[in-house]
């Protein structure tokens, strides 16, 4: 008995130490696996196009995914840094001026917009009084934004590493896929293969129907905000991405932006921005049926909780990883719960 206890203690110690060593890399590796599963159909098409050269196909798709992440990140970061620098210079020179709302354009706005108009008018007339009145709210909001931006920067670095890992998994992943299949069969017995197929389907559906649609919707909104000259457009794109992933949509950002544009621009460009914003607002309703058909991969609440909980636990990468992992857990549990138990043979 003592010898068995010693063996178990050593085994638990080794497992716990291994988990502690790998814990900083778990999110990165998991996201790399999810990316590899999501893009594997495209990878196989490229491999056939390149006559079976796995390394070349994996390299092409990895470079393409990295460009999708890195190029917009550089553009948004440059926009945000320029906006902050300009704001600092203007504030130091005492020339920080917020244009007042045009009376003839805002006189017919609904009563719900009155608090916004009051704050806007006060800021345009007396910046110091506006800071004194709304200072606590501004400090809290700025602190949250800066913290979120720091987490996002680290998350983008993690995402880049995950994409590189996914490229290696695509090129040399046959043994890894076989190992995962054996693990599912070991855990779930004869149902292991069906659970593995369900996992792949869930991951692809959530990545396409939730994350993919959120990225496209944010891109449409971002193009409009950059084109019309919304201040700090890069920051608002980041907020749009968060809201789109948690299934709130980009409306909480675009609706105030539309109000701002109508209050500061001519009617024609403001109307064009309104039309483009409407396209961004309804784009998820157009894209989701195309990518997913009529059935949602999981209930909305599961995606919402996964995104919020993932963001709180793991920052930007958790925002992407949370909906996928929680959706996968939900579908696996649901499949296991609805499965008919095996009938025991009658006792003779």
Protein backbone atom coordinates (compact mmCIF):
# COMPACT_ATOMS: atom_id res chain seq x y z
CA UNK A 1 0.00 0.00 0.00
CA UNK A 2 2.80 2.43 0.87
CA UNK A 3 4.54 1.68 -2.43
CA UNK A 4 1.30 2.35 -4.38
CA UNK A 5 0.79 5.65 -2.53
CA UNK A 6 4.34 6.73 -3.35
CA UNK A 7 3.80 5.95 -7.05
CA UNK A 8 0.51 7.86 -7.12
CA UNK A 9 2.09 10.83 -5.30
CA UNK A 10 4.98 10.96 -7.78
CA UNK A 11 2.56 10.69 -10.73
CA UNK A 12 0.37 13.51 -9.35
CA UNK A 13 3.45 15.63 -8.71
CA UNK A 14 4.72 15.13 -12.28
CA UNK A 15 1.29 15.91 -13.78
CA UNK A 16 0.82 19.01 -11.60
CA UNK A 17 4.30 20.28 -12.44
CA UNK A 18 3.72 19.69 -16.15
CA UNK A 19 0.43 21.64 -15.98
CA UNK A 20 2.19 24.48 -14.17
CA UNK A 21 4.93 24.59 -16.84
CA UNK A 22 2.48 24.52 -19.74
CA UNK A 23 -0.16 26.83 -18.24
CA UNK A 24 1.18 30.02 -19.92
CA UNK A 25 0.96 28.28 -23.31
CA UNK A 26 -2.39 26.49 -22.98
CA UNK A 27 -4.47 29.28 -24.54
CA UNK A 28 -1.99 29.77 -27.38
CA UNK A 29 -1.82 26.05 -28.19
CA UNK A 30 -5.61 25.64 -27.97
CA UNK A 31 -6.20 28.58 -30.29
CA UNK A 32 -3.58 27.21 -32.69
CA UNK A 33 -5.48 23.90 -32.78
CA UNK A 34 -8.79 25.71 -33.33
CA UNK A 35 -7.34 27.74 -36.21
CA UNK A 36 -5.88 24.59 -37.76
CA UNK A 37 -9.23 22.79 -37.56
CA UNK A 38 -11.10 25.81 -38.96
CA UNK A 39 -8.88 26.31 -42.02
CA UNK A 40 -8.12 22.65 -42.72
CA UNK A 41 -10.58 22.44 -45.68
CA UNK A 42 -8.80 25.40 -47.34
CA UNK A 43 -5.44 23.81 -46.51
CA UNK A 44 -6.42 20.54 -48.23
CA UNK A 45 -7.52 22.43 -51.34
CA UNK A 46 -4.19 24.26 -51.45
CA UNK A 47 -2.32 21.00 -50.93
CA UNK A 48 -4.07 19.47 -53.94
CA UNK A 49 -3.33 22.64 -55.92
CA UNK A 50 0.37 22.37 -54.99
CA UNK A 51 0.46 18.63 -55.88
CA UNK A 52 0.67 17.32 -52.35
CA UNK A 53 3.37 19.68 -51.02
CA UNK A 54 2.14 20.06 -47.44
CA UNK A 55 4.81 22.50 -46.30
CA UNK A 56 4.14 24.94 -49.14
CA UNK A 57 0.37 24.83 -48.61
CA UNK A 58 0.76 25.39 -44.86
CA UNK A 59 3.22 28.25 -45.43
CA UNK A 60 0.92 30.04 -47.88
CA UNK A 61 -2.12 29.84 -45.62
CA UNK A 62 -0.06 30.86 -42.56
CA UNK A 63 1.36 33.94 -44.31
CA UNK A 64 -2.14 34.88 -45.48
CA UNK A 65 -3.59 34.60 -41.96
CA UNK A 66 -0.70 36.58 -40.48
CA UNK A 67 -1.23 39.36 -43.01
CA UNK A 68 -4.93 39.50 -42.09
CA UNK A 69 -3.96 40.06 -38.44
CA UNK A 70 -0.81 42.16 -38.70
CA UNK A 71 -1.76 44.67 -41.43
CA UNK A 72 -5.03 45.87 -39.81
CA UNK A 73 -3.32 45.91 -36.40
CA UNK A 74 -0.60 48.23 -37.72
CA UNK A 75 -3.16 50.52 -39.37
CA UNK A 76 -5.40 50.70 -36.29
CA UNK A 77 -2.44 51.17 -33.93
CA UNK A 78 -1.00 53.97 -36.06
CA UNK A 79 -4.38 55.67 -36.16
CA UNK A 80 -4.80 55.39 -32.40
CA UNK A 81 -1.26 56.65 -31.64
CA UNK A 82 -1.63 59.60 -34.03
CA UNK A 83 -4.96 60.51 -32.48
CA UNK A 84 -3.58 60.40 -28.94
CA UNK A 85 -0.50 62.45 -29.92
CA UNK A 86 -2.64 65.07 -31.64
CA UNK A 87 -4.98 65.23 -28.66
CA UNK A 88 -2.02 65.76 -26.30
CA UNK A 89 -0.57 68.53 -28.43
CA UNK A 90 -3.90 70.31 -28.79
CA UNK A 91 -4.63 69.99 -25.07
CA UNK A 92 -1.19 71.32 -24.08
CA UNK A 93 -1.57 74.31 -26.40
CA UNK A 94 -4.98 75.13 -24.94
CA UNK A 95 -6.63 74.82 -28.33
CA UNK A 96 -8.75 71.75 -27.58
CA UNK A 97 -12.07 72.74 -29.10
CA UNK A 98 -15.07 70.47 -29.51
CA UNK A 99 -17.45 71.74 -32.22
CA UNK A 100 -20.90 72.49 -30.80
CA UNK A 101 -23.96 70.66 -32.12
CA UNK A 102 -25.75 72.54 -34.86
CA UNK A 103 -29.15 73.71 -33.48
CA UNK A 104 -31.06 73.25 -36.72
CA UNK A 105 -29.77 69.69 -37.06
CA UNK A 106 -30.42 68.52 -33.51
CA UNK A 107 -33.68 70.30 -32.72
CA UNK A 108 -35.76 67.29 -33.82
CA UNK A 109 -33.72 64.66 -31.98
CA UNK A 110 -35.68 62.51 -29.49
CA UNK A 111 -35.61 63.16 -25.77
CA UNK A 112 -33.38 60.12 -25.20
CA UNK A 113 -30.51 62.05 -26.79
CA UNK A 114 -30.82 64.98 -24.35
CA UNK A 115 -28.08 63.78 -21.89
CA UNK A 116 -25.70 63.32 -24.82
CA UNK A 117 -26.53 66.76 -26.20
CA UNK A 118 -26.12 68.38 -22.77
CA UNK A 119 -22.68 66.81 -22.30
CA UNK A 120 -21.70 67.71 -25.87
CA UNK A 121 -22.83 71.32 -25.46
CA UNK A 122 -21.04 71.74 -22.12
CA UNK A 123 -17.81 70.28 -23.53
CA UNK A 124 -17.96 72.65 -26.51
CA UNK A 125 -18.52 75.69 -24.28
CA UNK A 126 -16.35 74.97 -21.24
CA UNK A 127 -13.98 72.02 -21.34
CA UNK A 128 -12.87 72.45 -17.72
CA UNK A 129 -16.46 72.46 -16.46
CA UNK A 130 -17.17 69.34 -18.50
CA UNK A 131 -14.13 67.59 -17.00
CA UNK A 132 -15.23 68.64 -13.51
CA UNK A 133 -18.77 67.35 -14.04
CA UNK A 134 -17.99 64.12 -15.89
CA UNK A 135 -14.42 63.58 -14.62
CA UNK A 136 -15.10 60.42 -12.60
CA UNK A 137 -16.90 58.74 -15.47
CA UNK A 138 -14.15 59.75 -17.90
CA UNK A 139 -11.39 58.47 -15.62
CA UNK A 140 -13.11 55.14 -15.16
CA UNK A 141 -13.74 54.79 -18.88
CA UNK A 142 -10.20 55.81 -19.84
CA UNK A 143 -8.68 53.39 -17.32
CA UNK A 144 -10.79 50.55 -18.68
CA UNK A 145 -9.88 51.44 -22.26
CA UNK A 146 -6.13 51.59 -21.53
CA UNK A 147 -6.23 48.29 -19.67
CA UNK A 148 -8.18 46.69 -22.49
CA UNK A 149 -5.75 48.05 -25.08
CA UNK A 150 -2.79 46.63 -23.16
CA UNK A 151 -4.48 43.24 -22.97
CA UNK A 152 -5.34 43.47 -26.66
CA UNK A 153 -1.74 44.16 -27.64
CA UNK A 154 -0.56 41.12 -25.72
CA UNK A 155 -3.45 39.11 -27.16
CA UNK A 156 -2.48 40.02 -30.72
CA UNK A 157 1.05 38.75 -30.06
CA UNK A 158 -0.42 35.52 -28.70
CA UNK A 159 -2.67 35.27 -31.75
CA UNK A 160 0.31 35.62 -34.08
CA UNK A 161 2.10 32.81 -32.24
CA UNK A 162 -1.07 30.69 -32.42
CA UNK A 163 -1.27 31.16 -36.18
CA UNK A 164 2.35 30.02 -36.54
CA UNK A 165 1.57 26.96 -34.39
CA UNK A 166 -1.47 26.22 -36.55
CA UNK A 167 0.76 26.25 -39.63
CA UNK A 168 2.98 23.55 -38.10
CA UNK A 169 -0.10 21.55 -37.08
CA UNK A 170 -1.44 21.71 -40.63
CA UNK A 171 1.84 20.59 -42.17
CA UNK A 172 2.73 17.90 -39.65
CA UNK A 173 -0.59 17.24 -37.97
CA UNK A 174 -1.47 13.73 -39.08
CA UNK A 175 0.08 12.17 -36.00
CA UNK A 176 -1.48 14.83 -33.77
CA UNK A 177 -4.92 14.18 -35.29
CA UNK A 178 -4.46 10.46 -34.76
CA UNK A 179 -3.49 11.09 -31.15
CA UNK A 180 -6.57 13.27 -30.56
CA UNK A 181 -8.78 10.59 -32.11
CA UNK A 182 -7.28 7.96 -29.82
CA UNK A 183 -7.83 10.26 -26.83
CA UNK A 184 -11.52 10.72 -27.67
CA UNK A 185 -11.97 6.98 -28.11
CA UNK A 186 -10.14 6.34 -24.85
CA UNK A 187 -12.37 8.82 -22.99
CA UNK A 188 -15.72 8.08 -24.66
CA UNK A 189 -15.31 4.53 -25.90
CA UNK A 190 -17.28 3.73 -29.05
CA UNK A 191 -18.78 7.24 -29.03
CA UNK A 192 -15.34 8.85 -29.22
CA UNK A 193 -15.27 9.20 -33.00
CA UNK A 194 -18.73 10.80 -33.14
CA UNK A 195 -17.71 13.20 -30.34
CA UNK A 196 -14.58 14.12 -32.28
CA UNK A 197 -16.62 14.84 -35.42
CA UNK A 198 -19.05 16.92 -33.37
CA UNK A 199 -16.11 18.87 -31.93
CA UNK A 200 -14.72 19.67 -35.40
CA UNK A 201 -18.16 20.78 -36.65
CA UNK A 202 -18.77 22.97 -33.61
CA UNK A 203 -15.37 24.64 -33.86
CA UNK A 204 -15.80 25.42 -37.56
CA UNK A 205 -19.34 26.72 -37.11
CA UNK A 206 -18.48 28.99 -34.19
CA UNK A 207 -15.35 30.34 -35.88
CA UNK A 208 -17.27 31.07 -39.10
CA UNK A 209 -20.62 32.11 -37.68
CA UNK A 210 -19.46 34.07 -34.62
CA UNK A 211 -15.84 35.17 -34.98
CA UNK A 212 -15.76 35.44 -38.77
CA UNK A 213 -18.98 37.45 -38.95
CA UNK A 214 -17.77 39.69 -36.10
CA UNK A 215 -14.53 40.46 -37.95
CA UNK A 216 -16.35 41.25 -41.21
CA UNK A 217 -18.92 43.43 -39.42
CA UNK A 218 -16.15 45.30 -37.61
CA UNK A 219 -14.24 45.77 -40.86
CA UNK A 220 -17.30 47.30 -42.56
CA UNK A 221 -17.90 49.63 -39.61
CA UNK A 222 -14.21 50.55 -39.45
CA UNK A 223 -14.01 51.47 -43.13
CA UNK A 224 -16.93 53.85 -42.70
CA UNK A 225 -15.48 55.47 -39.57
CA UNK A 226 -12.05 55.93 -41.14
CA UNK A 227 -13.55 57.31 -44.35
CA UNK A 228 -15.73 59.92 -42.60
CA UNK A 229 -12.98 60.89 -40.18
CA UNK A 230 -14.38 59.75 -36.81
CA UNK A 231 -11.84 60.65 -34.08
CA UNK A 232 -10.00 57.62 -32.62
CA UNK A 233 -11.48 55.30 -35.24
CA UNK A 234 -8.99 52.57 -34.33
CA UNK A 235 -10.22 52.52 -30.74
CA UNK A 236 -13.86 52.37 -31.81
CA UNK A 237 -13.04 49.47 -34.14
CA UNK A 238 -11.69 47.55 -31.16
CA UNK A 239 -14.89 48.26 -29.20
CA UNK A 240 -16.94 47.18 -32.25
CA UNK A 241 -15.07 43.88 -32.38
CA UNK A 242 -15.82 43.15 -28.72
CA UNK A 243 -19.50 44.03 -29.10
CA UNK A 244 -19.82 41.98 -32.29
CA UNK A 245 -18.25 38.89 -30.72
CA UNK A 246 -20.54 39.04 -27.67
CA UNK A 247 -23.47 39.31 -30.14
CA UNK A 248 -24.49 42.82 -29.07
CA UNK A 249 -23.58 44.19 -32.49
CA UNK A 250 -21.86 47.39 -33.55
CA UNK A 251 -24.91 49.58 -32.97
CA UNK A 252 -23.75 51.03 -29.60
CA UNK A 253 -20.74 52.50 -31.43
CA UNK A 254 -22.26 53.36 -34.81
CA UNK A 255 -25.42 55.05 -33.56
CA UNK A 256 -23.51 57.73 -31.55
CA UNK A 257 -21.12 58.01 -34.50
CA UNK A 258 -24.05 58.72 -36.82
CA UNK A 259 -25.33 61.38 -34.40
CA UNK A 260 -21.86 62.94 -34.25
CA UNK A 261 -21.49 62.96 -38.04
CA UNK A 262 -24.90 64.55 -38.60
CA UNK A 263 -23.99 67.21 -36.03
CA UNK A 264 -20.61 68.07 -37.56
CA UNK A 265 -20.79 67.25 -41.30
CA UNK A 266 -22.85 68.23 -44.30
CA UNK A 267 -26.03 66.31 -45.08
CA UNK A 268 -24.68 64.37 -48.08
CA UNK A 269 -21.58 62.77 -46.47
CA UNK A 270 -23.56 62.18 -43.26
CA UNK A 271 -26.28 60.39 -45.23
CA UNK A 272 -23.70 58.29 -47.06
CA UNK A 273 -22.18 57.34 -43.71
CA UNK A 274 -25.67 56.47 -42.45
CA UNK A 275 -26.23 54.13 -45.40
CA UNK A 276 -22.84 52.46 -44.89
CA UNK A 277 -23.52 52.11 -41.16
CA UNK A 278 -26.87 50.44 -41.88
CA UNK A 279 -24.99 47.95 -44.06
CA UNK A 280 -22.64 47.23 -41.15
CA UNK A 281 -25.55 46.87 -38.74
CA UNK A 282 -27.41 44.31 -40.88
CA UNK A 283 -24.35 42.50 -42.23
CA UNK A 284 -24.49 39.81 -39.53
CA UNK A 285 -28.10 39.00 -40.50
CA UNK A 286 -26.91 38.51 -44.08
CA UNK A 287 -23.69 36.60 -43.40
CA UNK A 288 -24.83 34.17 -40.71
CA UNK A 289 -27.45 32.41 -42.87
CA UNK A 290 -24.89 32.13 -45.67
CA UNK A 291 -22.17 30.64 -43.43
CA UNK A 292 -24.33 28.56 -41.09
CA UNK A 293 -27.62 27.90 -42.83
CA UNK A 294 -30.67 28.28 -40.64
CA UNK A 295 -29.38 26.64 -37.49
CA UNK A 296 -27.22 28.51 -34.98
CA UNK A 297 -24.28 26.45 -33.63
CA UNK A 298 -25.22 27.17 -29.99
CA UNK A 299 -27.63 29.45 -28.09
CA UNK A 300 -26.77 33.13 -27.93
CA UNK A 301 -26.29 33.01 -24.15
CA UNK A 302 -23.49 30.43 -24.50
CA UNK A 303 -21.58 32.65 -26.94
CA UNK A 304 -22.13 35.73 -24.77
CA UNK A 305 -20.93 34.06 -21.57
CA UNK A 306 -17.98 32.47 -23.37
CA UNK A 307 -16.83 35.78 -24.84
CA UNK A 308 -17.25 37.82 -21.64
CA UNK A 309 -15.80 35.13 -19.37
CA UNK A 310 -12.94 34.46 -21.76
CA UNK A 311 -12.08 38.16 -22.00
CA UNK A 312 -12.10 38.53 -18.20
CA UNK A 313 -10.00 35.40 -17.70
CA UNK A 314 -7.54 35.61 -20.61
CA UNK A 315 -7.84 39.04 -22.21
CA UNK A 316 -8.13 39.47 -25.97
CA UNK A 317 -7.22 35.87 -26.80
CA UNK A 318 -9.82 34.69 -24.29
CA UNK A 319 -12.39 36.86 -26.08
CA UNK A 320 -11.80 34.74 -29.19
CA UNK A 321 -11.21 31.44 -27.42
CA UNK A 322 -14.04 31.61 -24.88
CA UNK A 323 -17.02 31.26 -27.26
CA UNK A 324 -15.38 28.34 -29.07
CA UNK A 325 -14.48 26.37 -25.92
CA UNK A 326 -17.80 26.98 -24.17
CA UNK A 327 -19.76 26.15 -27.35
CA UNK A 328 -17.77 22.94 -27.72
CA UNK A 329 -18.43 22.00 -24.09
CA UNK A 330 -22.13 22.81 -24.51
CA UNK A 331 -22.54 20.66 -27.62
CA UNK A 332 -20.56 17.73 -26.21
CA UNK A 333 -22.57 17.81 -22.97
CA UNK A 334 -25.83 18.13 -24.90
CA UNK A 335 -24.91 15.19 -27.13
CA UNK A 336 -23.99 13.05 -24.14
CA UNK A 337 -27.17 14.08 -22.28
CA UNK A 338 -29.48 13.24 -25.19
CA UNK A 339 -27.81 9.95 -26.01
CA UNK A 340 -29.82 6.86 -25.27
CA UNK A 341 -28.20 4.70 -22.57
CA UNK A 342 -27.12 1.24 -23.56
CA UNK A 343 -29.60 -1.44 -22.60
CA UNK A 344 -28.29 -3.99 -20.17
CA UNK A 345 -28.92 -7.61 -21.13
CA UNK A 346 -31.73 -9.22 -19.12
CA UNK A 347 -30.74 -11.40 -16.22
CA UNK A 348 -31.69 -15.00 -16.91
